[in-house]
Amino acid sequence: MMRDFSEIALQLDAHRSSINRQANVRLATEFVWRDPLNIPPRPWLYGRHLIRKQVSVTVAPGGVGKSSLTICEALSMASGRELLGDWTAKGLKVWLYNLEDPRDEMDRRIIAAMQHHQVSPDEIAGQLYVDTGRERTLSTAIQTREGVQIIKPELDALADEIEARQIDVLVIDPFVSSHQASENDNGAIDLVAKEWARLADRCNCAIELVHHTRKTNGEEATTESGRGASALLAAARSGRVLNKMSDAMKAEAGVQDDPATYFAITRDKANLAPVGDRVWRRMASVHLANGDSVGVAEVWEWPDTFDGFTAKDLLGVQRTLDGRGLRYSDQAGDEWAGVAVAEVLDLDATADRKRIKKMIEAWLKSGALVKGQKLGPIRKPVPTLEVGEWATV
């Protein structure tokens, strides 16, 4: 019995010594200034969205084009070509892991994108890897009575494959199919999201998680509109949202007769870079030799108000408005100055109303037009448009 107590005493002494040694370890490290030139720049891989050792999130409603977008971006990174106008690092290896579509559908989409953007098979040989959840499911976590449990062997298998193939970017589409935890449980999603972040750090790669939005009842979505818990976005270093162009916006942009889908990309969460401006993409219809038609994302820019018009056109507008006392308000019927503007510029005063109003405001701001006034139908002054500084041609 005495021997037992002696052994316990020795163990306690050893434990105390260990604690004392740990207490002597300095935990607070003094800051030492470094020349900024000696600090490595942030390792961006694609635009200001994908970065090594970090998780990024793309949020979008169904049917907008998020899978087609990530396919085109993967081809950009694998080929080293800026297919959508976004900067990409060169020599990247990309792994697309789509957890919804069968391989035939992935092949259709990828080959259609290659055909549309003129990417040859040789350009991406050994650089692009594609797998589907139809062939191998992926589950990084399960929900149990005791709470969410992370499936370490699954993450280890991913890490082994990433390291063996030297993958730079892993795209998981969609995030909800990569786990079996409750998506409304913040604690559970926080654990799952942080495991993805650990995997990115462990494998020195960027991970993109594609996520669906909840129902927005017609309102424009933000990254905070993602389905379920908000912990996923909180764990990401960059978040962006896709929104389909509304009918009103299509009319404003002058593409109301185009059946193609147009969507905007807005990066509204960016911890490591400034929040990005809205950029636009169009889903082009690409026909394959087998008869299939496939949507492929392409660059599209919102038209400038004065696209196609010159100073000569402005001079024509000024000559038409000069001395006529046409009204500023677009509620003035045929008396609205915009009707005359439409006639000169061969526009439609109804369909192009918003564009014409923007032109008038720009001309007022520049001084090419100025506001005057005259007596209206009820003998009260109403604003008119008059010539200001004449355009020179």
Protein backbone atom coordinates (compact mmCIF):
# COMPACT_ATOMS: atom_id res chain seq x y z
CA MET A 1 0.00 0.00 0.00
CA MET A 2 2.83 2.38 0.89
CA ARG A 3 4.45 1.54 -2.43
CA ASP A 4 1.26 2.61 -4.26
CA PHE A 5 1.16 5.95 -2.48
CA SER A 6 4.85 6.48 -3.26
CA GLU A 7 4.22 5.85 -6.96
CA ILE A 8 1.30 8.28 -6.92
CA ALA A 9 3.46 10.89 -5.20
CA LEU A 10 6.15 10.48 -7.83
CA GLN A 11 3.58 10.87 -10.60
CA LEU A 12 2.23 14.03 -8.98
CA ASP A 13 5.72 15.47 -8.69
CA ALA A 14 6.36 14.72 -12.36
CA HIS A 15 3.07 16.36 -13.29
CA ARG A 16 3.92 19.48 -11.24
CA SER A 17 7.35 19.66 -12.89
CA SER A 18 5.70 19.46 -16.30
CA ILE A 19 3.29 22.28 -15.38
CA ASN A 20 6.20 24.41 -14.11
CA ARG A 21 8.11 23.84 -17.32
CA GLN A 22 5.09 24.87 -19.35
CA ALA A 23 4.65 27.95 -17.16
CA ASN A 24 8.19 29.01 -18.06
CA VAL A 25 7.37 28.91 -21.77
CA ARG A 26 6.85 32.43 -23.06
CA LEU A 27 3.36 32.80 -24.54
CA ALA A 28 3.48 36.49 -25.41
CA THR A 29 5.71 37.22 -28.41
CA GLU A 30 7.03 40.71 -28.92
CA PHE A 31 6.19 42.27 -32.29
CA VAL A 32 9.18 42.81 -34.54
CA TRP A 33 8.78 45.19 -37.47
CA ARG A 34 9.47 43.71 -40.91
CA ASP A 35 10.17 45.44 -44.17
CA PRO A 36 6.89 44.99 -46.14
CA LEU A 37 8.96 43.91 -49.14
CA ASN A 38 9.98 40.82 -47.15
CA ILE A 39 6.40 39.81 -46.31
CA PRO A 40 5.07 37.28 -48.85
CA PRO A 41 1.99 38.61 -50.70
CA ARG A 42 -1.29 36.83 -50.14
CA PRO A 43 -1.38 33.68 -52.30
CA TRP A 44 -4.40 34.48 -54.48
CA LEU A 45 -5.22 31.81 -57.05
CA TYR A 46 -8.26 33.18 -58.88
CA GLY A 47 -9.29 36.84 -58.87
CA ARG A 48 -9.78 38.04 -55.31
CA HIS A 49 -11.99 35.08 -54.45
CA LEU A 50 -9.85 31.94 -54.16
CA ILE A 51 -6.76 31.93 -51.95
CA ARG A 52 -4.53 29.17 -50.65
CA LYS A 53 -5.28 27.73 -47.21
CA GLN A 54 -8.72 29.36 -47.14
CA VAL A 55 -12.35 28.47 -47.80
CA SER A 56 -14.46 30.55 -50.19
CA VAL A 57 -18.23 30.31 -50.66
CA THR A 58 -20.45 30.90 -53.68
CA VAL A 59 -24.16 31.32 -52.89
CA ALA A 60 -26.89 31.22 -55.54
CA PRO A 61 -30.50 30.24 -56.16
CA GLY A 62 -31.12 27.12 -58.23
CA GLY A 63 -30.98 27.44 -61.99
CA VAL A 64 -28.94 30.64 -62.16
CA GLY A 65 -25.72 29.12 -63.48
CA LYS A 66 -23.44 28.51 -60.51
CA SER A 67 -22.26 25.08 -61.68
CA SER A 68 -21.59 26.37 -65.20
CA LEU A 69 -19.72 29.32 -63.72
CA THR A 70 -17.45 27.14 -61.57
CA ILE A 71 -16.78 24.85 -64.55
CA CYS A 72 -15.62 27.80 -66.68
CA GLU A 73 -13.52 29.09 -63.80
CA ALA A 74 -11.97 25.64 -63.36
CA LEU A 75 -11.09 25.60 -67.06
CA SER A 76 -9.56 29.07 -66.69
CA MET A 77 -7.36 27.94 -63.84
CA ALA A 78 -6.43 24.62 -65.46
CA SER A 79 -5.54 26.24 -68.78
CA GLY A 80 -4.04 29.41 -67.32
CA ARG A 81 -6.29 31.52 -69.57
CA GLU A 82 -8.55 34.32 -68.37
CA LEU A 83 -11.67 32.95 -70.05
CA LEU A 84 -14.04 35.14 -68.02
CA GLY A 85 -11.77 38.15 -67.64
CA ASP A 86 -10.67 37.25 -64.10
CA TRP A 87 -6.99 36.97 -63.23
CA THR A 88 -5.76 33.45 -62.58
CA ALA A 89 -2.49 32.02 -61.34
CA LYS A 90 -0.77 29.76 -63.84
CA GLY A 91 -0.15 26.01 -63.67
CA LEU A 92 -3.03 25.26 -61.29
CA LYS A 93 -4.53 21.83 -60.78
CA VAL A 94 -8.26 21.87 -60.11
CA TRP A 95 -10.55 19.16 -58.73
CA LEU A 96 -14.25 19.54 -59.47
CA TYR A 97 -16.30 17.35 -57.14
CA ASN A 98 -19.95 17.63 -58.18
CA LEU A 99 -22.19 15.78 -55.73
CA GLU A 100 -25.43 15.99 -57.73
CA ASP A 101 -24.89 15.35 -61.44
CA PRO A 102 -23.88 12.13 -63.21
CA ARG A 103 -20.62 12.00 -65.12
CA ASP A 104 -22.31 12.24 -68.53
CA GLU A 105 -23.84 15.59 -67.53
CA MET A 106 -20.52 16.86 -66.21
CA ASP A 107 -18.86 15.79 -69.48
CA ARG A 108 -21.52 17.66 -71.49
CA ARG A 109 -21.01 20.85 -69.50
CA ILE A 110 -17.23 20.75 -69.49
CA ILE A 111 -16.90 19.89 -73.18
CA ALA A 112 -19.48 22.54 -74.15
CA ALA A 113 -17.50 25.12 -72.15
CA MET A 114 -14.26 24.00 -73.80
CA GLN A 115 -15.89 24.21 -77.22
CA HIS A 116 -17.34 27.69 -76.57
CA HIS A 117 -14.15 29.13 -75.08
CA GLN A 118 -11.89 27.26 -77.53
CA VAL A 119 -9.95 25.34 -74.89
CA SER A 120 -8.13 22.36 -76.37
CA PRO A 121 -7.76 19.07 -74.46
CA ASP A 122 -3.98 19.50 -74.49
CA GLU A 123 -4.28 22.78 -72.54
CA ILE A 124 -5.84 21.07 -69.51
CA ALA A 125 -4.21 17.64 -69.71
CA GLY A 126 -3.20 16.60 -66.20
CA GLN A 127 -4.59 19.82 -64.73
CA LEU A 128 -8.32 19.12 -64.31
CA TYR A 129 -9.87 16.32 -62.23
CA VAL A 130 -13.59 15.60 -62.10
CA ASP A 131 -15.62 13.33 -59.82
CA THR A 132 -19.29 12.97 -59.03
CA GLY A 133 -21.34 12.02 -56.02
CA ARG A 134 -23.18 9.51 -58.20
CA GLU A 135 -20.01 7.41 -58.38
CA ARG A 136 -18.60 8.12 -54.92
CA THR A 137 -20.62 9.85 -52.24
CA LEU A 138 -18.95 12.29 -49.87
CA SER A 139 -19.90 12.76 -46.24
CA THR A 140 -17.61 14.69 -43.92
CA ALA A 141 -20.00 14.68 -40.91
CA ILE A 142 -23.07 12.94 -39.52
CA GLN A 143 -25.65 14.00 -36.96
CA THR A 144 -26.01 11.70 -33.95
CA ARG A 145 -27.83 11.86 -30.63
CA GLU A 146 -24.63 13.17 -29.09
CA GLY A 147 -24.36 15.88 -31.73
CA VAL A 148 -22.45 16.20 -34.99
CA GLN A 149 -19.56 13.81 -35.54
CA ILE A 150 -16.78 14.62 -38.00
CA ILE A 151 -15.82 11.64 -40.18
CA LYS A 152 -12.04 11.89 -40.04
CA PRO A 153 -11.30 9.00 -42.45
CA GLU A 154 -13.26 10.79 -45.17
CA LEU A 155 -11.31 14.01 -44.70
CA ASP A 156 -8.05 12.07 -44.53
CA ALA A 157 -8.90 10.36 -47.83
CA LEU A 158 -9.54 13.77 -49.42
CA ALA A 159 -6.27 15.08 -48.04
CA ASP A 160 -4.35 12.07 -49.37
CA GLU A 161 -5.83 12.57 -52.85
CA ILE A 162 -5.20 16.33 -52.83
CA GLU A 163 -1.58 15.79 -51.84
CA ALA A 164 -1.04 12.91 -54.26
CA ARG A 165 -2.45 14.87 -57.20
CA GLN A 166 -0.99 18.19 -55.99
CA ILE A 167 -4.41 19.82 -56.23
CA ASP A 168 -4.43 23.62 -55.88
CA VAL A 169 -8.20 24.21 -55.91
CA LEU A 170 -10.99 21.88 -54.74
CA VAL A 171 -14.59 22.77 -55.68
CA ILE A 172 -17.40 21.08 -53.72
CA ASP A 173 -20.80 21.51 -55.38
CA PRO A 174 -23.10 21.68 -53.48
CA PHE A 175 -21.97 22.02 -49.88
CA VAL A 176 -25.24 20.58 -48.48
CA SER A 177 -24.48 17.21 -50.11
CA SER A 178 -21.04 16.95 -48.51
CA HIS A 179 -22.33 16.24 -44.99
CA GLN A 180 -25.27 14.80 -43.06
CA ALA A 181 -25.43 17.39 -40.28
CA SER A 182 -28.46 19.58 -39.66
CA GLU A 183 -27.98 22.61 -41.92
CA ASN A 184 -29.96 24.79 -39.49
CA ASP A 185 -27.69 23.94 -36.55
CA ASN A 186 -25.10 26.72 -36.28
CA GLY A 187 -22.87 24.67 -33.99
CA ALA A 188 -22.91 21.69 -36.34
CA ILE A 189 -22.26 23.74 -39.50
CA ASP A 190 -19.51 25.65 -37.69
CA LEU A 191 -17.73 22.35 -36.99
CA VAL A 192 -18.16 21.15 -40.56
CA ALA A 193 -17.03 24.46 -42.11
CA LYS A 194 -13.96 24.63 -39.88
CA GLU A 195 -12.99 21.11 -40.92
CA TRP A 196 -12.98 22.31 -44.53
CA ALA A 197 -10.82 25.26 -43.46
CA ARG A 198 -8.41 22.86 -41.70
CA LEU A 199 -8.24 20.73 -44.82
CA ALA A 200 -7.41 23.81 -46.93
CA ASP A 201 -4.67 24.76 -44.50
CA ARG A 202 -3.35 21.22 -44.19
CA CYS A 203 -3.15 20.71 -47.96
CA ASN A 204 -2.09 24.27 -48.89
CA CYS A 205 -5.00 24.57 -51.32
CA ALA A 206 -8.06 26.74 -51.88
CA ILE A 207 -11.49 25.21 -51.29
CA GLU A 208 -14.66 26.53 -52.92
CA LEU A 209 -17.99 25.51 -51.36
CA VAL A 210 -21.04 26.09 -53.57
CA HIS A 211 -24.20 26.71 -51.57
CA HIS A 212 -27.90 27.19 -52.32
CA THR A 213 -29.91 30.19 -51.12
CA ARG A 214 -33.08 29.91 -49.10
CA LYS A 215 -36.28 31.26 -50.64
CA THR A 216 -35.96 35.04 -51.03
CA ASN A 217 -39.55 35.74 -52.13
CA GLY A 218 -38.40 37.65 -55.18
CA GLU A 219 -35.87 39.81 -53.35
CA GLU A 220 -32.26 39.98 -54.48
CA ALA A 221 -30.09 37.51 -52.59
CA THR A 222 -26.91 38.26 -50.63
CA THR A 223 -24.33 35.86 -49.25
CA GLU A 224 -26.32 35.93 -46.03
CA SER A 225 -29.25 34.42 -47.94
CA GLY A 226 -27.59 31.00 -47.88
CA ARG A 227 -29.74 28.13 -46.71
CA GLY A 228 -29.49 27.08 -43.08
CA ALA A 229 -27.01 28.27 -40.50
CA SER A 230 -24.86 31.36 -41.00
CA ALA A 231 -21.74 29.63 -39.67
CA LEU A 232 -20.67 28.55 -43.17
CA LEU A 233 -20.26 32.13 -44.38
CA ALA A 234 -18.57 33.09 -41.11
CA ALA A 235 -15.87 30.47 -41.73
CA ALA A 236 -15.19 31.67 -45.28
CA ARG A 237 -12.63 34.30 -46.19
CA SER A 238 -14.48 35.28 -49.35
CA GLY A 239 -18.16 35.04 -50.19
CA ARG A 240 -20.00 35.91 -53.38
CA VAL A 241 -23.62 35.69 -54.49
CA LEU A 242 -25.20 35.17 -57.91
CA ASN A 243 -28.46 36.88 -58.88
CA LYS A 244 -30.46 36.40 -62.05
CA MET A 245 -31.18 39.57 -64.02
CA SER A 246 -34.80 40.65 -63.58
CA ASP A 247 -37.09 41.41 -66.52
CA ALA A 248 -36.99 45.10 -65.62
CA MET A 249 -33.18 45.08 -65.68
CA LYS A 250 -33.16 43.21 -69.00
CA ALA A 251 -35.34 45.96 -70.45
CA GLU A 252 -33.02 48.61 -69.04
CA ALA A 253 -30.00 46.84 -70.52
CA GLY A 254 -31.73 46.42 -73.87
CA VAL A 255 -31.63 42.59 -73.85
CA GLN A 256 -35.31 41.97 -73.14
CA ASP A 257 -35.70 39.98 -76.38
CA ASP A 258 -32.78 37.65 -75.59
CA PRO A 259 -34.00 34.36 -74.04
CA ALA A 260 -30.58 33.71 -72.48
CA THR A 261 -30.09 33.91 -68.71
CA TYR A 262 -28.03 36.86 -67.47
CA PHE A 263 -26.72 36.90 -63.90
CA ALA A 264 -24.65 39.16 -61.68
CA ILE A 265 -21.79 38.14 -59.40
CA THR A 266 -21.42 40.26 -56.28
CA ARG A 267 -18.62 39.67 -53.80
CA ASP A 268 -20.18 41.08 -50.65
CA LYS A 269 -18.01 39.30 -48.09
CA ALA A 270 -14.28 39.74 -48.40
CA ASN A 271 -12.07 39.51 -45.32
CA LEU A 272 -8.79 39.64 -47.23
CA ALA A 273 -9.59 42.02 -50.10
CA PRO A 274 -11.92 44.91 -50.87
CA VAL A 275 -15.51 43.95 -51.63
CA GLY A 276 -15.76 43.58 -55.40
CA ASP A 277 -18.03 45.43 -57.80
CA ARG A 278 -20.90 43.64 -59.50
CA VAL A 279 -19.89 41.82 -62.68
CA TRP A 280 -22.20 40.19 -65.20
CA ARG A 281 -22.27 36.87 -66.99
CA ARG A 282 -24.45 35.53 -69.77
CA MET A 283 -25.40 31.89 -70.32
CA ALA A 284 -24.66 31.16 -73.97
CA SER A 285 -26.41 28.21 -75.60
CA VAL A 286 -23.82 25.81 -77.03
CA HIS A 287 -24.82 22.98 -79.35
CA LEU A 288 -22.90 19.71 -79.18
CA ALA A 289 -22.47 17.29 -82.06
CA ASN A 290 -24.79 14.79 -80.33
CA GLY A 291 -27.68 17.27 -80.57
CA ASP A 292 -27.61 18.47 -76.95
CA SER A 293 -27.82 22.16 -76.11
CA VAL A 294 -25.81 23.23 -73.05
CA GLY A 295 -25.59 26.53 -71.19
CA VAL A 296 -22.09 27.97 -70.84
CA ALA A 297 -21.12 31.06 -68.85
CA GLU A 298 -19.46 33.87 -70.76
CA VAL A 299 -18.41 37.47 -70.09
CA TRP A 300 -21.08 40.13 -70.52
CA GLU A 301 -20.77 43.81 -69.68
CA TRP A 302 -23.61 46.13 -68.81
CA PRO A 303 -23.93 48.53 -71.76
CA ASP A 304 -22.75 52.07 -71.22
CA THR A 305 -25.53 54.63 -71.49
CA PHE A 306 -23.87 56.23 -74.53
CA ASP A 307 -22.65 53.08 -76.28
CA GLY A 308 -22.92 53.62 -80.04
CA PHE A 309 -23.41 57.39 -79.80
CA THR A 310 -20.98 60.24 -80.43
CA ALA A 311 -20.73 64.00 -79.99
CA LYS A 312 -22.36 64.30 -83.42
CA ASP A 313 -25.47 62.56 -82.02
CA LEU A 314 -25.54 64.95 -79.06
CA LEU A 315 -25.36 67.89 -81.46
CA GLY A 316 -28.35 66.44 -83.32
CA VAL A 317 -30.29 66.19 -80.06
CA GLN A 318 -29.44 69.80 -79.16
CA ARG A 319 -30.58 71.09 -82.55
CA THR A 320 -33.86 69.18 -82.19
CA LEU A 321 -34.55 70.50 -78.68
CA ASP A 322 -33.38 74.08 -79.30
CA GLY A 323 -36.17 76.58 -78.77
CA ARG A 324 -39.00 74.03 -78.61
CA GLY A 325 -39.60 74.19 -74.87
CA LEU A 326 -40.10 70.43 -74.56
CA ARG A 327 -40.71 69.26 -71.04
CA TYR A 328 -38.30 67.59 -68.64
CA SER A 329 -40.86 65.25 -67.07
CA ASP A 330 -41.34 61.86 -68.73
CA GLN A 331 -45.00 62.07 -67.65
CA ALA A 332 -45.65 64.83 -70.20
CA GLY A 333 -46.67 62.48 -73.02
CA ASP A 334 -45.60 63.66 -76.46
CA GLU A 335 -44.37 66.90 -74.84
CA TRP A 336 -41.58 64.98 -73.07
CA ALA A 337 -38.18 65.91 -74.50
CA GLY A 338 -37.22 62.24 -74.42
CA VAL A 339 -39.59 61.54 -77.31
CA ALA A 340 -37.58 63.90 -79.50
CA VAL A 341 -34.31 62.36 -78.23
CA ALA A 342 -35.61 58.91 -79.22
CA GLU A 343 -36.44 60.12 -82.74
CA VAL A 344 -32.97 61.59 -83.26
CA LEU A 345 -31.11 58.55 -81.88
CA ASP A 346 -33.42 55.93 -83.41
CA LEU A 347 -34.49 54.63 -79.99
CA ASP A 348 -37.88 53.55 -78.66
CA ALA A 349 -39.29 56.17 -76.30
CA THR A 350 -41.13 53.45 -74.36
CA ALA A 351 -38.74 50.48 -74.36
CA ASP A 352 -35.63 52.68 -73.97
CA ARG A 353 -37.21 55.13 -71.52
CA LYS A 354 -34.75 54.43 -68.67
CA ARG A 355 -31.75 54.78 -70.95
CA ILE A 356 -33.04 58.05 -72.40
CA LYS A 357 -33.64 59.43 -68.90
CA LYS A 358 -30.06 58.53 -67.94
CA MET A 359 -28.78 60.32 -71.06
CA ILE A 360 -30.74 63.44 -70.21
CA GLU A 361 -29.43 63.45 -66.64
CA ALA A 362 -25.85 63.01 -67.88
CA TRP A 363 -26.28 65.90 -70.35
CA LEU A 364 -27.72 68.09 -67.60
CA LYS A 365 -24.77 67.26 -65.36
CA SER A 366 -22.25 68.05 -68.11
CA GLY A 367 -23.98 71.31 -69.06
CA ALA A 368 -24.89 70.20 -72.58
CA LEU A 369 -28.52 70.70 -71.53
CA VAL A 370 -29.99 73.01 -68.90
CA LYS A 371 -33.39 73.30 -67.32
CA GLY A 372 -35.72 76.12 -68.27
CA GLN A 373 -39.41 76.60 -67.55
CA LYS A 374 -42.69 77.55 -69.17
CA LEU A 375 -46.33 77.71 -68.17
CA GLY A 376 -48.00 74.34 -68.13
CA PRO A 377 -51.61 73.35 -68.92
CA ILE A 378 -52.89 74.74 -65.60
CA ARG A 379 -50.90 77.97 -65.91
CA LYS A 380 -48.23 76.84 -63.48
CA PRO A 381 -44.49 76.77 -64.33
CA VAL A 382 -43.16 73.39 -65.48
CA PRO A 383 -39.48 72.50 -66.15
CA THR A 384 -38.28 72.25 -69.72
CA LEU A 385 -35.04 71.22 -71.39
CA GLU A 386 -32.96 73.82 -73.22
CA VAL A 387 -29.58 73.79 -74.89
CA GLY A 388 -26.65 74.64 -72.63
CA GLU A 389 -23.13 74.43 -74.03
CA TRP A 390 -23.24 73.35 -77.64
CA ALA A 391 -21.41 70.16 -78.57
CA THR A 392 -18.39 70.50 -80.84
CA VAL A 393 -17.77 67.96 -83.59
